[in-house]
Amino acid sequence: MKKIILLLGMLSMFAQANDYEKVSVEVTAEKLNGDAYYIPGLSGSATEYEGFISNAGFIVTSEGVVVLDALGTPSLAQAMLEKIRQITDKPIKIVIVSHYHADHIYGLQVFKEQGAEIWAPKGTWDYLDSETAPNLLESRRTSLYPWVNDETRLIKPDRIIDKDTKFSLGDHQFLISYFGKVHSEGDMSLLSLNDQTLYSGDIIFEGRIPFVGDADIIAWSKTLDRVRNIEMEYFVPGHGTASDQPQETMDLTYRYLNFLLDKLTAAVEDMAPFDETYQAIDWSEFEDEPAFEAANRKNAYAVYLYLERVL
């Protein structure tokens, strides 16, 4: 009977897979520590590589699978699900969403179809109720077609996390660290205590200049101090390569954000014009990093405007 149920489940999965356009990018699952895995995205801008520009992860427990983030298209999430199914036939129980940005959430419908509960940070509804959410999805239906199309939908969370939360599934213990509005309207990380593996979401970008956007950079800087003190053996950033050297992996984001904060705070306090300030700053420490040309000036201007409001 168990074999029949498993077969029916796999047939259902493959039937659903036919609804999603196949991706040509290679989606792999890399084992990190114990039962913890991650899906390494590629380094690029939002619509490059068929939208495969962020990381995701999963942990296999005795009672089912906990997933962290769902990638940037349903097609990518379907490819991720197929990788999970090569490792285990246990049900997908929970998807922890580090934050509601497009490259981490458009695959949620695939896991919802598997019966998973979606847990997301407080602030998620601020995003879902905004004009940005439907407008960006409509834009991506063009820029990422056919992997994002009219069948792609925004998935609402089943549970909102608004404080640090411990939970267990089967033989595994987990800790969600809730950070509040930092990189997005709401951010949180997932630590698998059994595997000593931390999935940070976009609190950390490895190997490239981070995207600041409308982040609260003061809160972000303080959050980095907190994350750096979490005990872990393996670290998975929101973008970039996972590592068994967590402090080194966090270093670029930590140095860059604090550099922005230091230089632009001084400029705003002196009421110096932005263009003049930007030209006067020595960016040599970061100018060879990937995404510097594309992101740095936008980041600096966003931080300048933010500091003008709060200082």
C-alpha atoms as a PDB file:
ATOM      1  CA  MET A   1       0.000   0.000   0.000  1.00  0.00           C
ATOM      2  CA  LYS A   2       2.830   2.408   0.892  1.00  0.00           C
ATOM      3  CA  LYS A   3       4.445   1.825  -2.521  1.00  0.00           C
ATOM      4  CA  ILE A   4       1.148   2.510  -4.262  1.00  0.00           C
ATOM      5  CA  ILE A   5       0.679   5.790  -2.351  1.00  0.00           C
ATOM      6  CA  LEU A   6       4.251   6.835  -3.180  1.00  0.00           C
ATOM      7  CA  LEU A   7       3.744   5.999  -6.856  1.00  0.00           C
ATOM      8  CA  LEU A   8       0.509   8.000  -6.983  1.00  0.00           C
ATOM      9  CA  GLY A   9       2.275  10.919  -5.334  1.00  0.00           C
ATOM     10  CA  MET A  10       5.110  10.830  -7.850  1.00  0.00           C
ATOM     11  CA  LEU A  11       2.659  10.587 -10.761  1.00  0.00           C
ATOM     12  CA  SER A  12       0.829  13.622  -9.367  1.00  0.00           C
ATOM     13  CA  MET A  13       4.111  15.515  -9.123  1.00  0.00           C
ATOM     14  CA  PHE A  14       5.053  14.758 -12.712  1.00  0.00           C
ATOM     15  CA  ALA A  15       1.568  15.738 -13.898  1.00  0.00           C
ATOM     16  CA  GLN A  16       2.027  19.104 -12.217  1.00  0.00           C
ATOM     17  CA  ALA A  17       5.520  19.385 -13.691  1.00  0.00           C
ATOM     18  CA  ASN A  18       3.987  19.350 -17.180  1.00  0.00           C
ATOM     19  CA  ASP A  19       2.247  22.621 -16.336  1.00  0.00           C
ATOM     20  CA  TYR A  20       5.578  24.417 -15.955  1.00  0.00           C
ATOM     21  CA  GLU A  21       7.969  25.324 -18.733  1.00  0.00           C
ATOM     22  CA  LYS A  22      11.265  23.498 -18.354  1.00  0.00           C
ATOM     23  CA  VAL A  23      14.318  25.585 -17.524  1.00  0.00           C
ATOM     24  CA  SER A  24      17.570  25.295 -19.455  1.00  0.00           C
ATOM     25  CA  VAL A  25      19.747  26.451 -16.553  1.00  0.00           C
ATOM     26  CA  GLU A  26      21.219  23.704 -14.383  1.00  0.00           C
ATOM     27  CA  VAL A  27      19.557  23.424 -10.984  1.00  0.00           C
ATOM     28  CA  THR A  28      21.530  21.337  -8.491  1.00  0.00           C
ATOM     29  CA  ALA A  29      21.205  20.382  -4.829  1.00  0.00           C
ATOM     30  CA  GLU A  30      24.427  20.456  -2.828  1.00  0.00           C
ATOM     31  CA  LYS A  31      24.727  18.708   0.523  1.00  0.00           C
ATOM     32  CA  LEU A  32      26.259  20.902   3.217  1.00  0.00           C
ATOM     33  CA  ASN A  33      26.132  19.298   6.638  1.00  0.00           C
ATOM     34  CA  GLY A  34      24.069  16.392   7.954  1.00  0.00           C
ATOM     35  CA  ASP A  35      20.622  16.695   6.367  1.00  0.00           C
ATOM     36  CA  ALA A  36      21.002  20.282   5.142  1.00  0.00           C
ATOM     37  CA  TYR A  37      21.193  21.107   1.422  1.00  0.00           C
ATOM     38  CA  TYR A  38      21.177  24.215  -0.709  1.00  0.00           C
ATOM     39  CA  ILE A  39      20.257  25.160  -4.261  1.00  0.00           C
ATOM     40  CA  PRO A  40      22.975  27.513  -5.548  1.00  0.00           C
ATOM     41  CA  GLY A  41      21.687  30.292  -7.779  1.00  0.00           C
ATOM     42  CA  LEU A  42      23.808  32.095 -10.352  1.00  0.00           C
ATOM     43  CA  SER A  43      25.324  35.549 -10.032  1.00  0.00           C
ATOM     44  CA  GLY A  44      23.335  37.980 -12.122  1.00  0.00           C
ATOM     45  CA  SER A  45      20.628  40.623 -12.260  1.00  0.00           C
ATOM     46  CA  ALA A  46      16.952  39.904 -11.661  1.00  0.00           C
ATOM     47  CA  THR A  47      15.999  38.523 -15.073  1.00  0.00           C
ATOM     48  CA  GLU A  48      19.249  36.880 -16.077  1.00  0.00           C
ATOM     49  CA  TYR A  49      19.638  33.088 -16.205  1.00  0.00           C
ATOM     50  CA  GLU A  50      15.861  32.586 -16.514  1.00  0.00           C
ATOM     51  CA  GLY A  51      15.502  34.259 -13.103  1.00  0.00           C
ATOM     52  CA  PHE A  52      17.837  31.825 -11.329  1.00  0.00           C
ATOM     53  CA  ILE A  53      19.822  34.414  -9.354  1.00  0.00           C
ATOM     54  CA  SER A  54      19.078  33.561  -5.714  1.00  0.00           C
ATOM     55  CA  ASN A  55      19.723  30.630  -3.407  1.00  0.00           C
ATOM     56  CA  ALA A  56      17.259  28.293  -1.736  1.00  0.00           C
ATOM     57  CA  GLY A  57      17.708  25.378   0.636  1.00  0.00           C
ATOM     58  CA  PHE A  58      16.052  22.442   2.337  1.00  0.00           C
ATOM     59  CA  ILE A  59      16.486  20.146   5.328  1.00  0.00           C
ATOM     60  CA  VAL A  60      15.299  16.532   5.340  1.00  0.00           C
ATOM     61  CA  THR A  61      13.843  15.405   8.675  1.00  0.00           C
ATOM     62  CA  SER A  62      12.296  12.111   9.758  1.00  0.00           C
ATOM     63  CA  GLU A  63       8.792  13.601   9.318  1.00  0.00           C
ATOM     64  CA  GLY A  64       9.219  15.660   6.181  1.00  0.00           C
ATOM     65  CA  VAL A  65      11.128  18.437   4.443  1.00  0.00           C
ATOM     66  CA  VAL A  66      11.594  22.050   5.527  1.00  0.00           C
ATOM     67  CA  VAL A  67      12.335  24.367   2.585  1.00  0.00           C
ATOM     68  CA  LEU A  68      13.915  27.828   2.749  1.00  0.00           C
ATOM     69  CA  ASP A  69      12.729  30.120  -0.071  1.00  0.00           C
ATOM     70  CA  ALA A  70      11.250  29.066  -3.394  1.00  0.00           C
ATOM     71  CA  LEU A  71      13.348  30.708  -6.156  1.00  0.00           C
ATOM     72  CA  GLY A  72      12.264  33.208  -8.794  1.00  0.00           C
ATOM     73  CA  THR A  73       9.889  31.242 -11.042  1.00  0.00           C
ATOM     74  CA  PRO A  74       7.550  28.263 -10.695  1.00  0.00           C
ATOM     75  CA  SER A  75       9.693  26.468 -13.266  1.00  0.00           C
ATOM     76  CA  LEU A  76      12.780  26.833 -11.079  1.00  0.00           C
ATOM     77  CA  ALA A  77      10.835  25.664  -8.037  1.00  0.00           C
ATOM     78  CA  GLN A  78       9.652  22.618  -9.982  1.00  0.00           C
ATOM     79  CA  ALA A  79      13.269  21.833 -10.885  1.00  0.00           C
ATOM     80  CA  MET A  80      14.171  22.228  -7.196  1.00  0.00           C
ATOM     81  CA  LEU A  81      11.345  19.901  -6.193  1.00  0.00           C
ATOM     82  CA  GLU A  82      12.633  17.281  -8.606  1.00  0.00           C
ATOM     83  CA  LYS A  83      16.060  17.522  -6.961  1.00  0.00           C
ATOM     84  CA  ILE A  84      14.477  17.081  -3.537  1.00  0.00           C
ATOM     85  CA  ARG A  85      12.623  14.018  -4.819  1.00  0.00           C
ATOM     86  CA  GLN A  86      15.913  12.469  -5.917  1.00  0.00           C
ATOM     87  CA  ILE A  87      16.975  12.608  -2.263  1.00  0.00           C
ATOM     88  CA  THR A  88      13.758  11.855  -0.360  1.00  0.00           C
ATOM     89  CA  ASP A  89      10.106  10.980  -0.891  1.00  0.00           C
ATOM     90  CA  LYS A  90       9.091  12.590   2.400  1.00  0.00           C
ATOM     91  CA  PRO A  91       6.408  15.304   2.165  1.00  0.00           C
ATOM     92  CA  ILE A  92       7.247  18.985   1.855  1.00  0.00           C
ATOM     93  CA  LYS A  93       5.879  20.225   5.173  1.00  0.00           C
ATOM     94  CA  ILE A  94       6.950  23.858   5.607  1.00  0.00           C
ATOM     95  CA  VAL A  95       8.412  26.569   3.394  1.00  0.00           C
ATOM     96  CA  ILE A  96      10.152  29.295   5.386  1.00  0.00           C
ATOM     97  CA  VAL A  97      10.265  32.494   3.316  1.00  0.00           C
ATOM     98  CA  SER A  98      13.205  34.677   4.329  1.00  0.00           C
ATOM     99  CA  HIS A  99      11.521  37.735   2.772  1.00  0.00           C
ATOM    100  CA  TYR A 100       8.989  38.577   0.097  1.00  0.00           C
ATOM    101  CA  HIS A 101      11.095  39.616  -2.887  1.00  0.00           C
ATOM    102  CA  ALA A 102      10.287  38.259  -6.337  1.00  0.00           C
ATOM    103  CA  ASP A 103      13.438  36.172  -6.788  1.00  0.00           C
ATOM    104  CA  HIS A 104      12.612  34.223  -3.611  1.00  0.00           C
ATOM    105  CA  ILE A 105       8.818  33.778  -3.833  1.00  0.00           C
ATOM    106  CA  TYR A 106       7.520  33.189  -7.369  1.00  0.00           C
ATOM    107  CA  GLY A 107       8.096  29.450  -6.963  1.00  0.00           C
ATOM    108  CA  LEU A 108       5.904  29.171  -3.852  1.00  0.00           C
ATOM    109  CA  GLN A 109       2.890  27.858  -5.744  1.00  0.00           C
ATOM    110  CA  VAL A 110       4.789  24.663  -6.588  1.00  0.00           C
ATOM    111  CA  PHE A 111       5.344  23.846  -2.922  1.00  0.00           C
ATOM    112  CA  LYS A 112       1.813  24.950  -1.986  1.00  0.00           C
ATOM    113  CA  GLU A 113       0.553  22.368  -4.479  1.00  0.00           C
ATOM    114  CA  GLN A 114       2.539  19.805  -2.499  1.00  0.00           C
ATOM    115  CA  GLY A 115       0.577  20.722   0.640  1.00  0.00           C
ATOM    116  CA  ALA A 116       3.304  22.781   2.332  1.00  0.00           C
ATOM    117  CA  GLU A 117       2.574  25.496   4.868  1.00  0.00           C
ATOM    118  CA  ILE A 118       4.076  28.875   4.010  1.00  0.00           C
ATOM    119  CA  TRP A 119       5.671  30.770   6.917  1.00  0.00           C
ATOM    120  CA  ALA A 120       6.710  34.366   6.283  1.00  0.00           C
ATOM    121  CA  PRO A 121       7.937  37.351   8.310  1.00  0.00           C
ATOM    122  CA  LYS A 122       5.792  40.190   9.572  1.00  0.00           C
ATOM    123  CA  GLY A 123       5.877  42.836   6.866  1.00  0.00           C
ATOM    124  CA  THR A 124       4.900  40.356   4.153  1.00  0.00           C
ATOM    125  CA  TRP A 125       1.391  41.820   3.925  1.00  0.00           C
ATOM    126  CA  ASP A 126       2.880  45.293   3.467  1.00  0.00           C
ATOM    127  CA  TYR A 127       4.449  43.939   0.291  1.00  0.00           C
ATOM    128  CA  LEU A 128       1.459  41.912  -0.891  1.00  0.00           C
ATOM    129  CA  ASP A 129      -0.934  44.821  -0.347  1.00  0.00           C
ATOM    130  CA  SER A 130       1.316  47.288  -2.167  1.00  0.00           C
ATOM    131  CA  GLU A 131       1.138  48.288  -5.839  1.00  0.00           C
ATOM    132  CA  THR A 132       4.660  46.930  -6.276  1.00  0.00           C
ATOM    133  CA  ALA A 133       3.683  43.268  -5.886  1.00  0.00           C
ATOM    134  CA  PRO A 134       1.163  42.958  -8.767  1.00  0.00           C
ATOM    135  CA  ASN A 135       2.985  45.454 -10.972  1.00  0.00           C
ATOM    136  CA  LEU A 136       6.287  43.613 -10.707  1.00  0.00           C
ATOM    137  CA  LEU A 137       4.624  40.263 -11.335  1.00  0.00           C
ATOM    138  CA  GLU A 138       3.008  41.668 -14.471  1.00  0.00           C
ATOM    139  CA  SER A 139       6.399  42.962 -15.610  1.00  0.00           C
ATOM    140  CA  ARG A 140       8.066  39.603 -14.991  1.00  0.00           C
ATOM    141  CA  ARG A 141       5.366  37.868 -17.041  1.00  0.00           C
ATOM    142  CA  THR A 142       7.036  39.617 -19.964  1.00  0.00           C
ATOM    143  CA  SER A 143      10.705  39.730 -18.965  1.00  0.00           C
ATOM    144  CA  LEU A 144      10.762  36.122 -17.678  1.00  0.00           C
ATOM    145  CA  TYR A 145       8.217  34.580 -20.033  1.00  0.00           C
ATOM    146  CA  PRO A 146       7.471  31.654 -20.357  1.00  0.00           C
ATOM    147  CA  TRP A 147       8.828  30.712 -16.894  1.00  0.00           C
ATOM    148  CA  VAL A 148       6.674  33.432 -15.341  1.00  0.00           C
ATOM    149  CA  ASN A 149       3.312  33.697 -17.092  1.00  0.00           C
ATOM    150  CA  ASP A 150      -0.412  34.253 -16.542  1.00  0.00           C
ATOM    151  CA  GLU A 151      -0.567  31.124 -14.373  1.00  0.00           C
ATOM    152  CA  THR A 152       2.060  32.467 -11.966  1.00  0.00           C
ATOM    153  CA  ARG A 153       0.457  33.850  -8.830  1.00  0.00           C
ATOM    154  CA  LEU A 154       1.427  35.476  -5.555  1.00  0.00           C
ATOM    155  CA  ILE A 155       1.028  33.026  -2.684  1.00  0.00           C
ATOM    156  CA  LYS A 156      -0.226  34.287   0.667  1.00  0.00           C
ATOM    157  CA  PRO A 157       1.451  33.048   3.846  1.00  0.00           C
ATOM    158  CA  ASP A 158      -0.262  30.582   6.163  1.00  0.00           C
ATOM    159  CA  ARG A 159       1.623  31.823   9.202  1.00  0.00           C
ATOM    160  CA  ILE A 160       3.280  35.144  10.030  1.00  0.00           C
ATOM    161  CA  ILE A 161       6.427  35.154  12.163  1.00  0.00           C
ATOM    162  CA  ASP A 162       6.934  38.297  14.266  1.00  0.00           C
ATOM    163  CA  LYS A 163       9.502  37.133  16.826  1.00  0.00           C
ATOM    164  CA  ASP A 164      12.319  34.617  17.215  1.00  0.00           C
ATOM    165  CA  THR A 165      10.684  31.217  16.963  1.00  0.00           C
ATOM    166  CA  LYS A 166      11.894  27.717  17.769  1.00  0.00           C
ATOM    167  CA  PHE A 167      10.127  24.731  16.257  1.00  0.00           C
ATOM    168  CA  SER A 168      10.748  21.074  15.595  1.00  0.00           C
ATOM    169  CA  LEU A 169       9.857  18.679  12.811  1.00  0.00           C
ATOM    170  CA  GLY A 170      10.558  15.023  13.366  1.00  0.00           C
ATOM    171  CA  ASP A 171      14.061  14.619  14.724  1.00  0.00           C
ATOM    172  CA  HIS A 172      15.193  18.156  13.847  1.00  0.00           C
ATOM    173  CA  GLN A 173      15.172  21.400  15.806  1.00  0.00           C
ATOM    174  CA  PHE A 174      15.055  24.818  14.129  1.00  0.00           C
ATOM    175  CA  LEU A 175      15.404  28.464  15.084  1.00  0.00           C
ATOM    176  CA  ILE A 176      13.874  31.294  13.071  1.00  0.00           C
ATOM    177  CA  SER A 177      15.497  34.650  13.837  1.00  0.00           C
ATOM    178  CA  TYR A 178      13.110  37.496  13.063  1.00  0.00           C
ATOM    179  CA  PHE A 179      14.813  40.755  12.082  1.00  0.00           C
ATOM    180  CA  GLY A 180      11.912  43.043  11.113  1.00  0.00           C
ATOM    181  CA  LYS A 181      12.222  45.592   8.303  1.00  0.00           C
ATOM    182  CA  VAL A 182      15.842  45.398   7.230  1.00  0.00           C
ATOM    183  CA  HIS A 183      16.580  44.446   3.603  1.00  0.00           C
ATOM    184  CA  SER A 184      12.857  44.244   2.795  1.00  0.00           C
ATOM    185  CA  GLU A 185       9.523  44.885   4.530  1.00  0.00           C
ATOM    186  CA  GLY A 186      10.296  41.889   6.739  1.00  0.00           C
ATOM    187  CA  ASP A 187      13.308  39.592   7.011  1.00  0.00           C
ATOM    188  CA  MET A 188      14.214  36.438   8.889  1.00  0.00           C
ATOM    189  CA  SER A 189      16.752  33.614   8.820  1.00  0.00           C
ATOM    190  CA  LEU A 190      16.519  29.860   9.457  1.00  0.00           C
ATOM    191  CA  LEU A 191      19.023  27.902  11.537  1.00  0.00           C
ATOM    192  CA  SER A 192      18.946  24.109  11.468  1.00  0.00           C
ATOM    193  CA  LEU A 193      20.276  23.351  14.941  1.00  0.00           C
ATOM    194  CA  ASN A 194      20.955  19.676  14.224  1.00  0.00           C
ATOM    195  CA  ASP A 195      23.018  20.562  11.164  1.00  0.00           C
ATOM    196  CA  GLN A 196      24.468  23.851  12.468  1.00  0.00           C
ATOM    197  CA  THR A 197      23.552  25.422   9.129  1.00  0.00           C
ATOM    198  CA  LEU A 198      22.188  28.968   8.815  1.00  0.00           C
ATOM    199  CA  TYR A 199      20.171  30.198   5.825  1.00  0.00           C
ATOM    200  CA  SER A 200      20.270  34.002   5.990  1.00  0.00           C
ATOM    201  CA  GLY A 201      18.173  35.184   3.066  1.00  0.00           C
ATOM    202  CA  ASP A 202      19.280  38.533   1.667  1.00  0.00           C
ATOM    203  CA  ILE A 203      20.688  39.790   4.946  1.00  0.00           C
ATOM    204  CA  ILE A 204      23.943  38.594   3.366  1.00  0.00           C
ATOM    205  CA  PHE A 205      25.124  38.721  -0.259  1.00  0.00           C
ATOM    206  CA  GLU A 206      28.329  36.794  -0.973  1.00  0.00           C
ATOM    207  CA  GLY A 207      30.643  37.474  -3.886  1.00  0.00           C
ATOM    208  CA  ARG A 208      28.829  40.564  -5.148  1.00  0.00           C
ATOM    209  CA  ILE A 209      27.732  44.027  -4.090  1.00  0.00           C
ATOM    210  CA  PRO A 210      24.384  43.709  -2.279  1.00  0.00           C
ATOM    211  CA  PHE A 211      21.173  45.331  -3.457  1.00  0.00           C
ATOM    212  CA  VAL A 212      20.116  47.991  -0.942  1.00  0.00           C
ATOM    213  CA  GLY A 213      16.894  49.349  -2.442  1.00  0.00           C
ATOM    214  CA  ASP A 214      14.690  50.934   0.214  1.00  0.00           C
ATOM    215  CA  ALA A 215      16.282  48.984   3.067  1.00  0.00           C
ATOM    216  CA  ASP A 216      16.643  50.369   6.582  1.00  0.00           C
ATOM    217  CA  ILE A 217      20.433  50.370   6.467  1.00  0.00           C
ATOM    218  CA  ILE A 218      20.828  51.257  10.149  1.00  0.00           C
ATOM    219  CA  ALA A 219      18.737  48.241  11.188  1.00  0.00           C
ATOM    220  CA  TRP A 220      20.551  46.123   8.578  1.00  0.00           C
ATOM    221  CA  SER A 221      23.945  47.024  10.029  1.00  0.00           C
ATOM    222  CA  LYS A 222      22.784  46.126  13.543  1.00  0.00           C
ATOM    223  CA  THR A 223      21.291  42.872  12.244  1.00  0.00           C
ATOM    224  CA  LEU A 224      24.620  41.900  10.707  1.00  0.00           C
ATOM    225  CA  ASP A 225      26.236  42.216  14.113  1.00  0.00           C
ATOM    226  CA  ARG A 226      23.570  39.881  15.466  1.00  0.00           C
ATOM    227  CA  VAL A 227      23.939  37.324  12.660  1.00  0.00           C
ATOM    228  CA  ARG A 228      27.703  37.266  13.010  1.00  0.00           C
ATOM    229  CA  ASN A 229      27.257  36.069  16.599  1.00  0.00           C
ATOM    230  CA  ILE A 230      25.030  33.086  15.750  1.00  0.00           C
ATOM    231  CA  GLU A 231      26.831  29.795  16.333  1.00  0.00           C
ATOM    232  CA  MET A 232      26.987  27.829  13.070  1.00  0.00           C
ATOM    233  CA  GLU A 233      29.213  25.577  10.995  1.00  0.00           C
ATOM    234  CA  TYR A 234      27.773  26.248   7.523  1.00  0.00           C
ATOM    235  CA  PHE A 235      26.322  29.443   6.126  1.00  0.00           C
ATOM    236  CA  VAL A 236      24.040  29.978   3.113  1.00  0.00           C
ATOM    237  CA  PRO A 237      23.631  33.598   1.964  1.00  0.00           C
ATOM    238  CA  GLY A 238      20.675  34.788  -0.086  1.00  0.00           C
ATOM    239  CA  HIS A 239      22.995  35.225  -3.056  1.00  0.00           C
ATOM    240  CA  GLY A 240      26.427  33.681  -3.526  1.00  0.00           C
ATOM    241  CA  THR A 241      28.244  30.544  -2.478  1.00  0.00           C
ATOM    242  CA  ALA A 242      27.566  28.657   0.751  1.00  0.00           C
ATOM    243  CA  SER A 243      30.546  28.278   3.030  1.00  0.00           C
ATOM    244  CA  ASP A 244      31.973  26.520   6.058  1.00  0.00           C
ATOM    245  CA  GLN A 245      33.748  29.804   6.847  1.00  0.00           C
ATOM    246  CA  PRO A 246      30.744  31.905   7.912  1.00  0.00           C
ATOM    247  CA  GLN A 247      32.617  35.020   9.014  1.00  0.00           C
ATOM    248  CA  GLU A 248      34.481  35.245   5.713  1.00  0.00           C
ATOM    249  CA  THR A 249      31.244  34.786   3.766  1.00  0.00           C
ATOM    250  CA  MET A 250      29.585  37.637   5.653  1.00  0.00           C
ATOM    251  CA  ASP A 251      32.561  39.969   5.376  1.00  0.00           C
ATOM    252  CA  LEU A 252      31.796  41.770   2.103  1.00  0.00           C
ATOM    253  CA  THR A 253      28.214  42.698   3.012  1.00  0.00           C
ATOM    254  CA  TYR A 254      29.313  43.733   6.494  1.00  0.00           C
ATOM    255  CA  ARG A 255      32.152  45.973   5.265  1.00  0.00           C
ATOM    256  CA  TYR A 256      30.177  47.450   2.379  1.00  0.00           C
ATOM    257  CA  LEU A 257      27.063  48.430   4.309  1.00  0.00           C
ATOM    258  CA  ASN A 258      29.044  49.949   7.147  1.00  0.00           C
ATOM    259  CA  PHE A 259      31.183  51.842   4.627  1.00  0.00           C
ATOM    260  CA  LEU A 260      28.040  53.300   3.023  1.00  0.00           C
ATOM    261  CA  LEU A 261      26.622  54.170   6.406  1.00  0.00           C
ATOM    262  CA  ASP A 262      29.819  55.860   7.589  1.00  0.00           C
ATOM    263  CA  LYS A 263      30.529  57.909   4.459  1.00  0.00           C
ATOM    264  CA  LEU A 264      26.976  58.987   3.713  1.00  0.00           C
ATOM    265  CA  THR A 265      26.088  59.799   7.316  1.00  0.00           C
ATOM    266  CA  ALA A 266      28.966  62.280   7.342  1.00  0.00           C
ATOM    267  CA  ALA A 267      27.796  63.781   4.045  1.00  0.00           C
ATOM    268  CA  VAL A 268      24.175  64.177   5.155  1.00  0.00           C
ATOM    269  CA  GLU A 269      25.194  65.709   8.478  1.00  0.00           C
ATOM    270  CA  ASP A 270      27.355  68.191   6.549  1.00  0.00           C
ATOM    271  CA  MET A 271      24.483  68.768   4.070  1.00  0.00           C
ATOM    272  CA  ALA A 272      26.828  67.995   1.190  1.00  0.00           C
ATOM    273  CA  PRO A 273      25.128  67.450  -2.220  1.00  0.00           C
ATOM    274  CA  PHE A 274      24.929  63.817  -3.296  1.00  0.00           C
ATOM    275  CA  ASP A 275      26.801  64.129  -6.618  1.00  0.00           C
ATOM    276  CA  GLU A 276      29.655  65.948  -4.953  1.00  0.00           C
ATOM    277  CA  THR A 277      29.712  63.396  -2.133  1.00  0.00           C
ATOM    278  CA  TYR A 278      29.695  60.415  -4.469  1.00  0.00           C
ATOM    279  CA  GLN A 279      32.582  61.723  -6.543  1.00  0.00           C
ATOM    280  CA  ALA A 280      34.647  62.464  -3.435  1.00  0.00           C
ATOM    281  CA  ILE A 281      34.349  58.970  -1.908  1.00  0.00           C
ATOM    282  CA  ASP A 282      37.179  56.529  -2.580  1.00  0.00           C
ATOM    283  CA  TRP A 283      35.344  53.396  -3.766  1.00  0.00           C
ATOM    284  CA  SER A 284      38.500  51.421  -4.588  1.00  0.00           C
ATOM    285  CA  GLU A 285      37.881  48.876  -1.820  1.00  0.00           C
ATOM    286  CA  PHE A 286      34.758  47.650  -3.639  1.00  0.00           C
ATOM    287  CA  GLU A 287      34.983  48.703  -7.286  1.00  0.00           C
ATOM    288  CA  ASP A 288      36.303  45.319  -8.483  1.00  0.00           C
ATOM    289  CA  GLU A 289      33.438  43.396  -6.862  1.00  0.00           C
ATOM    290  CA  PRO A 290      30.733  41.903  -9.120  1.00  0.00           C
ATOM    291  CA  ALA A 291      27.688  44.164  -9.585  1.00  0.00           C
ATOM    292  CA  PHE A 292      29.577  47.281  -8.452  1.00  0.00           C
ATOM    293  CA  GLU A 293      28.940  49.187 -11.689  1.00  0.00           C
ATOM    294  CA  ALA A 294      25.287  48.182 -11.781  1.00  0.00           C
ATOM    295  CA  ALA A 295      24.429  48.690  -8.120  1.00  0.00           C
ATOM    296  CA  ASN A 296      26.805  50.983  -6.272  1.00  0.00           C
ATOM    297  CA  ARG A 297      25.592  54.432  -7.277  1.00  0.00           C
ATOM    298  CA  LYS A 298      21.942  53.374  -6.854  1.00  0.00           C
ATOM    299  CA  ASN A 299      22.769  51.945  -3.434  1.00  0.00           C
ATOM    300  CA  ALA A 300      24.606  55.062  -2.357  1.00  0.00           C
ATOM    301  CA  TYR A 301      21.784  57.345  -3.472  1.00  0.00           C
ATOM    302  CA  ALA A 302      19.172  55.190  -1.713  1.00  0.00           C
ATOM    303  CA  VAL A 303      21.173  55.320   1.517  1.00  0.00           C
ATOM    304  CA  TYR A 304      21.700  59.085   1.146  1.00  0.00           C
ATOM    305  CA  LEU A 305      17.942  59.677   0.777  1.00  0.00           C
ATOM    306  CA  TYR A 306      17.170  57.354   3.681  1.00  0.00           C
ATOM    307  CA  LEU A 307      19.636  59.123   5.975  1.00  0.00           C
ATOM    308  CA  GLU A 308      18.222  62.510   4.978  1.00  0.00           C
ATOM    309  CA  ARG A 309      14.860  61.312   6.297  1.00  0.00           C
ATOM    310  CA  VAL A 310      16.042  59.825   9.578  1.00  0.00           C
ATOM    311  CA  LEU A 311      18.968  61.968  10.721  1.00  0.00           C
END
